[in-house]
């Protein structure tokens, strides 16, 4: 039969490995990682304190060990809250931790009761695991893959069931035991379940951290860093997808190629920093004013594109001309004093059987026509 001490030491090693993996993610500043590293460190100290039962004072091997292990799980939960962008603290969890401290102290020094201690700690862990499972299921961002969040939720549910079962059995006196490290089949089984907790939680949070890294890389690839608009590659991919939808549905798709007028003179007169401000202001203005279904991206330099699904060329002209008029009547406070700018637009509608490149080429020619006609206008091909 496995020795409980052996199980605790293996769990300590798994916690140390989890710290090493999470430590490699420290510099990328993913919210929650600091809490997860601390949780593993606290958990290791708690397990080492458990292993000293019979060789150290009870305040260390009983009280401190149980409280620290509960704190470690609470830190995992708080790290997940930070990871999901929640700023609130789990105060109810900390209040429960104080009750655990008081209860364990009472049933250790005043009215010794091993079963009561186990029941209290198991109930606290079961509640935290349940809260973690609910947080993962409800807090998952809609745009991210489900697997990472469901994995951690499933692990939390299984551990919640394990701790609930353990607490119920000890509360009803189904198990006769006087020490956590007592060698018995059922105790070894529960400790074996406990050994799964750190690696499962560590794997789960590492998967979350790597998903956040993947999200950042996707953003770098898909979003223009200066303006926040879609990158050219992402814009073209969205355009191709819209044309496929239009091919199946028969609904129109229009495109607008937009260019900021006399942008070189802005750089020459006000400097390149002001030019960057104009690009950022224009992108924010268009993103705020276009419809939710429209796709907005930066094609390069001062040239942008707007894809308008379920929209014909005439409707797109009205939409873009409305934007042009609103910009002309606005006073951008964040731009250098006296800096005003306009934009020109070329618009066309997709024709069945043609490629996105052909559509964009015609809209681009319409843009050149708008420039030649005096700028600050919208022209349909």
Protein backbone atom coordinates (compact mmCIF):
# COMPACT_ATOMS: atom_id res chain seq x y z
CA UNK A 1 0.00 0.00 0.00
CA UNK A 2 1.21 3.51 -0.75
CA UNK A 3 2.47 5.48 2.20
CA UNK A 4 0.67 8.83 2.85
CA UNK A 5 4.06 10.53 3.30
CA UNK A 6 5.06 9.36 -0.17
CA UNK A 7 1.86 10.80 -1.63
CA UNK A 8 2.47 14.15 0.08
CA UNK A 9 6.04 14.34 -1.20
CA UNK A 10 4.96 13.55 -4.77
CA UNK A 11 2.36 16.32 -4.47
CA UNK A 12 5.09 18.70 -3.29
CA UNK A 13 7.18 17.85 -6.35
CA UNK A 14 4.23 18.43 -8.69
CA UNK A 15 3.64 21.81 -7.04
CA UNK A 16 7.29 22.75 -7.54
CA UNK A 17 7.08 21.81 -11.22
CA UNK A 18 3.93 23.90 -11.59
CA UNK A 19 5.77 26.88 -10.08
CA UNK A 20 8.59 26.43 -12.57
CA UNK A 21 6.20 26.39 -15.53
CA UNK A 22 4.18 29.36 -14.27
CA UNK A 23 7.40 31.21 -13.47
CA UNK A 24 8.32 31.06 -17.16
CA UNK A 25 5.19 33.14 -17.85
CA UNK A 26 5.91 35.78 -15.21
CA UNK A 27 7.52 38.32 -17.54
CA UNK A 28 4.64 38.37 -20.01
CA UNK A 29 2.45 39.97 -17.32
CA UNK A 30 -0.60 37.77 -17.64
CA UNK A 31 -3.12 38.71 -14.93
CA UNK A 32 -3.42 36.05 -12.25
CA UNK A 33 -0.07 34.32 -12.78
CA UNK A 34 1.41 35.89 -9.65
CA UNK A 35 -1.48 34.54 -7.57
CA UNK A 36 -1.06 31.07 -9.08
CA UNK A 37 2.67 30.97 -8.36
CA UNK A 38 2.04 32.12 -4.78
CA UNK A 39 -0.70 29.50 -4.41
CA UNK A 40 1.71 26.71 -5.34
CA UNK A 41 4.35 28.04 -2.95
CA UNK A 42 1.84 28.23 -0.10
CA UNK A 43 0.56 24.75 -0.96
CA UNK A 44 4.08 23.30 -0.82
CA UNK A 45 4.66 24.81 2.62
CA UNK A 46 1.31 23.41 3.79
CA UNK A 47 2.09 19.88 2.56
CA UNK A 48 5.53 19.94 4.17
CA UNK A 49 3.88 21.00 7.42
CA UNK A 50 1.41 18.10 7.09
CA UNK A 51 4.30 15.67 6.68
CA UNK A 52 5.67 16.73 10.08
CA UNK A 53 2.69 15.38 12.01
CA UNK A 54 3.99 13.55 15.07
CA UNK A 55 7.33 15.37 14.83
CA UNK A 56 6.28 19.02 15.15
CA UNK A 57 3.88 21.07 17.30
CA UNK A 58 0.21 20.67 16.47
CA UNK A 59 -0.17 24.39 15.73
CA UNK A 60 2.20 23.82 12.79
CA UNK A 61 1.31 20.34 11.54
CA UNK A 62 -2.46 20.64 12.15
CA UNK A 63 -3.61 24.25 12.29
CA UNK A 64 -1.11 26.06 10.06
CA UNK A 65 -0.98 23.20 7.54
CA UNK A 66 -4.76 23.13 7.04
CA UNK A 67 -5.12 26.90 6.89
CA UNK A 68 -2.27 27.30 4.41
CA UNK A 69 -3.65 24.57 2.14
CA UNK A 70 -7.04 26.28 2.16
CA UNK A 71 -5.35 29.62 1.46
CA UNK A 72 -3.54 28.09 -1.51
CA UNK A 73 -6.84 27.10 -3.13
CA UNK A 74 -8.30 30.53 -2.37
CA UNK A 75 -5.33 32.15 -4.13
CA UNK A 76 -5.95 29.98 -7.19
CA UNK A 77 -9.54 31.25 -7.24
CA UNK A 78 -8.43 34.86 -6.84
CA UNK A 79 -5.89 34.42 -9.64
CA UNK A 80 -8.68 33.20 -11.92
CA UNK A 81 -10.73 36.26 -11.01
CA UNK A 82 -7.82 38.52 -12.01
CA UNK A 83 -7.25 36.52 -15.18
CA UNK A 84 -10.86 37.12 -16.22
CA UNK A 85 -10.55 40.84 -15.53
CA UNK A 86 -12.55 40.82 -12.28
CA UNK A 87 -11.30 43.33 -9.73
CA UNK A 88 -13.40 42.20 -6.76
CA UNK A 89 -11.80 40.25 -3.94
CA UNK A 90 -13.36 36.97 -2.75
CA UNK A 91 -14.03 38.37 0.72
CA UNK A 92 -16.47 35.58 1.53
CA UNK A 93 -13.63 33.12 0.93
CA UNK A 94 -11.33 35.00 3.30
CA UNK A 95 -14.09 35.14 5.93
CA UNK A 96 -14.50 31.39 5.52
CA UNK A 97 -10.75 30.97 5.95
CA UNK A 98 -10.95 32.72 9.32
CA UNK A 99 -13.73 30.32 10.33
CA UNK A 100 -11.54 27.39 9.24
CA UNK A 101 -8.72 28.73 11.42
CA UNK A 102 -11.02 29.10 14.43
CA UNK A 103 -12.66 25.71 13.90
CA UNK A 104 -9.41 23.80 13.49
CA UNK A 105 -7.93 25.53 16.51
CA UNK A 106 -10.98 24.64 18.60
CA UNK A 107 -11.05 20.99 17.49
CA UNK A 108 -7.30 20.68 17.96
CA UNK A 109 -6.64 22.32 21.32
CA UNK A 110 -9.97 22.75 23.15
CA UNK A 111 -12.15 19.83 22.05
CA UNK A 112 -9.94 17.52 19.97
CA UNK A 113 -12.02 15.99 17.17
CA UNK A 114 -10.28 14.69 14.07
CA UNK A 115 -13.54 14.03 12.16
CA UNK A 116 -14.80 17.55 12.80
CA UNK A 117 -11.55 19.04 11.48
CA UNK A 118 -11.70 16.96 8.32
CA UNK A 119 -15.38 17.78 7.78
CA UNK A 120 -14.77 21.52 8.14
CA UNK A 121 -11.77 21.59 5.81
CA UNK A 122 -13.45 19.34 3.23
CA UNK A 123 -16.55 21.56 3.20
CA UNK A 124 -14.45 24.70 2.68
CA UNK A 125 -12.49 23.12 -0.18
CA UNK A 126 -15.67 21.79 -1.80
CA UNK A 127 -17.23 25.27 -1.75
CA UNK A 128 -14.13 26.89 -3.30
CA UNK A 129 -13.94 24.22 -6.01
CA UNK A 130 -17.62 24.76 -6.80
CA UNK A 131 -17.03 28.52 -7.02
CA UNK A 132 -14.06 27.92 -9.34
CA UNK A 133 -16.14 25.69 -11.63
CA UNK A 134 -18.93 28.28 -11.84
CA UNK A 135 -16.41 31.06 -12.50
CA UNK A 136 -14.83 29.16 -15.39
CA UNK A 137 -18.17 28.29 -16.98
CA UNK A 138 -19.72 31.74 -16.64
CA UNK A 139 -16.61 33.86 -17.09
CA UNK A 140 -15.27 32.30 -20.30
CA UNK A 141 -14.90 35.00 -22.98
CA UNK A 142 -17.27 34.26 -25.82
CA UNK A 143 -14.53 34.67 -28.45
CA UNK A 144 -12.09 32.20 -26.89
CA UNK A 145 -11.97 28.38 -27.26
CA UNK A 146 -13.99 26.50 -24.65
CA UNK A 147 -11.63 23.62 -23.97
CA UNK A 148 -9.22 25.36 -21.59
CA UNK A 149 -12.00 26.76 -19.43
CA UNK A 150 -14.03 23.53 -19.47
CA UNK A 151 -10.95 21.51 -18.50
CA UNK A 152 -10.40 23.57 -15.36
CA UNK A 153 -14.13 23.59 -14.59
CA UNK A 154 -14.33 19.80 -14.95
CA UNK A 155 -11.30 19.32 -12.68
CA UNK A 156 -12.89 21.64 -10.10
CA UNK A 157 -16.17 19.71 -10.24
CA UNK A 158 -14.43 16.35 -9.72
CA UNK A 159 -12.40 17.71 -6.80
CA UNK A 160 -15.55 19.29 -5.35
CA UNK A 161 -17.27 15.90 -5.46
CA UNK A 162 -14.25 14.23 -3.86
CA UNK A 163 -14.07 16.70 -0.98
CA UNK A 164 -17.84 16.62 -0.50
CA UNK A 165 -17.77 12.82 -0.25
CA UNK A 166 -14.88 12.94 2.18
CA UNK A 167 -16.59 15.53 4.36
CA UNK A 168 -19.87 13.60 4.45
CA UNK A 169 -18.18 10.32 5.37
CA UNK A 170 -16.23 11.90 8.23
CA UNK A 171 -19.19 13.96 9.47
CA UNK A 172 -21.32 10.84 9.88
CA UNK A 173 -18.49 8.90 11.49
CA UNK A 174 -18.31 6.39 8.65
CA UNK A 175 -14.54 6.40 9.00
CA UNK A 176 -12.68 5.81 12.22
CA UNK A 177 -9.40 7.64 11.98
CA UNK A 178 -7.25 9.74 14.30
CA UNK A 179 -4.54 11.07 11.98
CA UNK A 180 -4.27 12.37 8.45
CA UNK A 181 -1.22 10.20 7.85
CA UNK A 182 -2.82 7.03 9.20
CA UNK A 183 -2.29 4.18 6.73
CA UNK A 184 -5.67 2.83 5.65
CA UNK A 185 -7.17 2.07 2.24
CA UNK A 186 -9.78 4.84 2.39
CA UNK A 187 -7.33 7.44 3.68
CA UNK A 188 -4.80 6.59 0.98
CA UNK A 189 -7.62 6.82 -1.59
CA UNK A 190 -8.58 10.31 -0.41
CA UNK A 191 -4.93 11.39 -0.31
CA UNK A 192 -4.48 10.00 -3.82
CA UNK A 193 -7.42 12.16 -4.89
CA UNK A 194 -5.69 15.10 -3.23
CA UNK A 195 -2.52 14.46 -5.16
CA UNK A 196 -4.45 15.07 -8.38
CA UNK A 197 -5.53 18.54 -7.29
CA UNK A 198 -2.23 20.49 -7.73
CA UNK A 199 -1.33 19.04 -11.15
CA UNK A 200 -4.88 19.38 -12.47
CA UNK A 201 -5.13 22.96 -11.25
CA UNK A 202 -1.62 23.74 -12.51
CA UNK A 203 -2.36 22.28 -15.95
CA UNK A 204 -5.63 24.20 -16.06
CA UNK A 205 -4.16 27.60 -15.20
CA UNK A 206 -1.17 27.06 -17.52
CA UNK A 207 -3.63 26.32 -20.33
CA UNK A 208 -5.46 29.55 -19.51
CA UNK A 209 -2.19 31.50 -19.54
CA UNK A 210 -1.14 30.06 -22.89
CA UNK A 211 -4.59 30.83 -24.31
CA UNK A 212 -4.06 34.45 -23.26
CA UNK A 213 -0.68 34.43 -25.01
CA UNK A 214 -2.32 32.98 -28.13
CA UNK A 215 -4.93 35.74 -27.96
CA UNK A 216 -2.18 38.37 -27.82
CA UNK A 217 -0.40 36.86 -30.81
CA UNK A 218 -3.68 36.74 -32.72
CA UNK A 219 -4.23 40.39 -31.94
CA UNK A 220 -0.74 41.28 -33.11
CA UNK A 221 -1.45 39.45 -36.37
CA UNK A 222 -5.01 40.71 -36.85
CA UNK A 223 -5.06 44.22 -35.41
CA UNK A 224 -3.03 47.22 -36.54
CA UNK A 225 -1.08 48.36 -33.49
CA UNK A 226 -1.23 52.09 -34.19
CA UNK A 227 -4.91 52.48 -35.10
CA UNK A 228 -6.65 49.47 -33.54
CA UNK A 229 -8.26 48.68 -36.92
CA UNK A 230 -7.97 45.25 -38.51
CA UNK A 231 -4.66 44.56 -40.23
CA UNK A 232 -4.63 44.21 -44.01
CA UNK A 233 -4.40 40.42 -43.76
CA UNK A 234 -7.33 40.16 -41.35
CA UNK A 235 -9.36 42.60 -43.46
CA UNK A 236 -8.81 40.55 -46.60
CA UNK A 237 -9.74 37.35 -44.77
CA UNK A 238 -12.96 38.96 -43.55
CA UNK A 239 -13.67 40.20 -47.06
CA UNK A 240 -13.24 36.73 -48.56
CA UNK A 241 -15.60 35.29 -45.93
CA UNK A 242 -18.21 37.97 -46.65
CA UNK A 243 -18.07 37.25 -50.39
CA UNK A 244 -18.66 33.55 -49.70
CA UNK A 245 -21.69 34.44 -47.58
CA UNK A 246 -22.96 36.76 -50.31
CA UNK A 247 -22.48 34.01 -52.90
CA UNK A 248 -24.71 31.66 -50.91
CA UNK A 249 -27.31 34.19 -49.80
CA UNK A 250 -27.48 36.43 -52.88
CA UNK A 251 -27.31 39.52 -50.65
CA UNK A 252 -25.11 42.43 -51.78
CA UNK A 253 -21.72 43.40 -50.36
CA UNK A 254 -20.11 46.80 -50.89
CA UNK A 255 -16.58 47.98 -50.24
CA UNK A 256 -15.22 51.45 -49.60
CA UNK A 257 -11.54 52.32 -50.04
CA UNK A 258 -10.83 55.37 -47.88
CA UNK A 259 -7.77 57.62 -48.05
CA UNK A 260 -6.94 60.60 -45.83
CA UNK A 261 -6.47 63.67 -48.01
CA UNK A 262 -3.07 65.37 -48.26
CA UNK A 263 -1.62 63.24 -45.51
CA UNK A 264 1.95 64.00 -46.58
CA UNK A 265 1.37 67.69 -45.96
CA UNK A 266 0.14 66.87 -42.44
CA UNK A 267 3.45 65.13 -41.74
CA UNK A 268 5.46 67.92 -43.36
CA UNK A 269 3.61 70.72 -41.54
CA UNK A 270 2.93 69.26 -38.10
CA UNK A 271 5.43 66.40 -37.91
CA UNK A 272 5.13 62.62 -38.02
CA UNK A 273 3.85 62.42 -34.44
CA UNK A 274 0.87 64.55 -35.47
CA UNK A 275 0.40 62.29 -38.50
CA UNK A 276 0.21 59.30 -36.19
CA UNK A 277 -2.37 61.15 -34.11
CA UNK A 278 -4.44 61.76 -37.23
CA UNK A 279 -4.35 58.07 -38.14
CA UNK A 280 -5.39 57.03 -34.63
CA UNK A 281 -8.13 59.68 -34.49
CA UNK A 282 -9.51 58.73 -37.89
CA UNK A 283 -9.56 55.01 -37.08
CA UNK A 284 -11.32 55.62 -33.76
CA UNK A 285 -13.83 57.93 -35.46
CA UNK A 286 -14.71 55.46 -38.22
CA UNK A 287 -14.85 52.47 -35.86
CA UNK A 288 -17.27 54.42 -33.66
CA UNK A 289 -19.49 55.59 -36.51
CA UNK A 290 -19.82 52.56 -38.78
CA UNK A 291 -22.44 49.89 -38.19
CA UNK A 292 -21.71 46.90 -35.98
CA UNK A 293 -21.87 44.56 -38.98
CA UNK A 294 -19.34 46.57 -41.03
CA UNK A 295 -15.69 45.51 -41.18
CA UNK A 296 -13.06 48.21 -40.86
CA UNK A 297 -9.35 47.74 -41.52
CA UNK A 298 -6.14 49.53 -42.36
CA UNK A 299 -4.81 48.61 -45.79
CA UNK A 300 -1.54 50.50 -45.46
CA UNK A 301 -0.24 54.00 -44.77
CA UNK A 302 -3.20 56.39 -44.68
CA UNK A 303 -5.46 54.05 -46.68
CA UNK A 304 -8.30 52.14 -45.02
CA UNK A 305 -11.11 49.86 -46.10
CA UNK A 306 -14.72 49.38 -45.02
CA UNK A 307 -16.66 46.24 -45.96
CA UNK A 308 -20.42 46.72 -45.82
CA UNK A 309 -22.45 43.47 -45.84
CA UNK A 310 -26.07 43.47 -47.05
CA UNK A 311 -25.38 46.87 -48.63
CA UNK A 312 -25.37 47.97 -52.27
CA UNK A 313 -23.11 50.63 -53.74
CA UNK A 314 -25.66 53.44 -53.45
CA UNK A 315 -26.27 52.68 -49.76
CA UNK A 316 -22.53 52.54 -49.09
CA UNK A 317 -22.11 55.97 -50.72
CA UNK A 318 -24.74 57.40 -48.38
CA UNK A 319 -23.10 55.76 -45.36
CA UNK A 320 -19.58 56.99 -46.15
CA UNK A 321 -20.74 60.46 -47.15
CA UNK A 322 -22.50 60.74 -43.79
CA UNK A 323 -19.19 59.88 -42.10
CA UNK A 324 -17.37 62.45 -44.22
CA UNK A 325 -19.85 65.17 -43.24
CA UNK A 326 -19.65 64.32 -39.53
CA UNK A 327 -15.86 64.47 -39.57
CA UNK A 328 -15.92 67.82 -41.41
CA UNK A 329 -18.19 69.35 -38.75
CA UNK A 330 -16.31 67.93 -35.75
CA UNK A 331 -13.44 69.58 -33.90
CA UNK A 332 -10.91 66.95 -32.84
CA UNK A 333 -9.62 68.23 -29.50
CA UNK A 334 -6.83 65.66 -29.31
CA UNK A 335 -5.15 66.92 -32.51
CA UNK A 336 -2.68 69.85 -32.66
CA UNK A 337 -4.36 73.25 -32.73
CA UNK A 338 -5.55 74.17 -36.20
CA UNK A 339 -5.09 70.67 -37.65
CA UNK A 340 -8.14 69.63 -39.65
CA UNK A 341 -8.25 66.87 -42.22
CA UNK A 342 -10.67 65.30 -44.70
CA UNK A 343 -10.85 62.01 -46.55
CA UNK A 344 -11.84 60.71 -49.97
CA UNK A 345 -13.65 57.45 -50.73
CA UNK A 346 -14.05 55.09 -53.66
CA UNK A 347 -17.03 52.70 -53.47
CA UNK A 348 -18.18 49.70 -55.46
CA UNK A 349 -20.39 46.64 -55.10
CA UNK A 350 -19.34 43.01 -55.50
CA UNK A 351 -20.29 41.33 -58.75
CA UNK A 352 -21.00 37.64 -58.77
CA UNK A 353 -18.05 35.54 -59.86
CA UNK A 354 -15.31 38.12 -59.29
CA UNK A 355 -12.55 38.03 -56.71
CA UNK A 356 -12.07 40.38 -53.79
CA UNK A 357 -8.97 41.78 -55.50
CA UNK A 358 -11.03 42.73 -58.57
CA UNK A 359 -13.63 44.44 -56.39
CA UNK A 360 -10.96 46.36 -54.51
CA UNK A 361 -9.27 47.41 -57.75
CA UNK A 362 -12.47 49.02 -59.04
CA UNK A 363 -13.10 50.77 -55.71
CA UNK A 364 -9.48 51.97 -55.78
CA UNK A 365 -10.00 53.49 -59.22
CA UNK A 366 -13.10 55.25 -57.89
CA UNK A 367 -10.93 56.60 -55.04
CA UNK A 368 -8.47 58.05 -57.55
CA UNK A 369 -11.39 59.66 -59.35
CA UNK A 370 -12.49 61.25 -56.06
CA UNK A 371 -8.97 62.60 -55.55
CA UNK A 372 -8.82 63.95 -59.07
CA UNK A 373 -12.19 65.66 -58.65
CA UNK A 374 -10.92 67.74 -55.73
CA UNK A 375 -10.79 65.37 -52.73
CA UNK A 376 -13.13 65.32 -49.70
CA UNK A 377 -15.82 63.39 -51.53
CA UNK A 378 -17.29 59.91 -52.08
CA UNK A 379 -17.32 58.45 -55.59
CA UNK A 380 -18.90 55.21 -56.77
CA UNK A 381 -17.16 53.21 -59.49
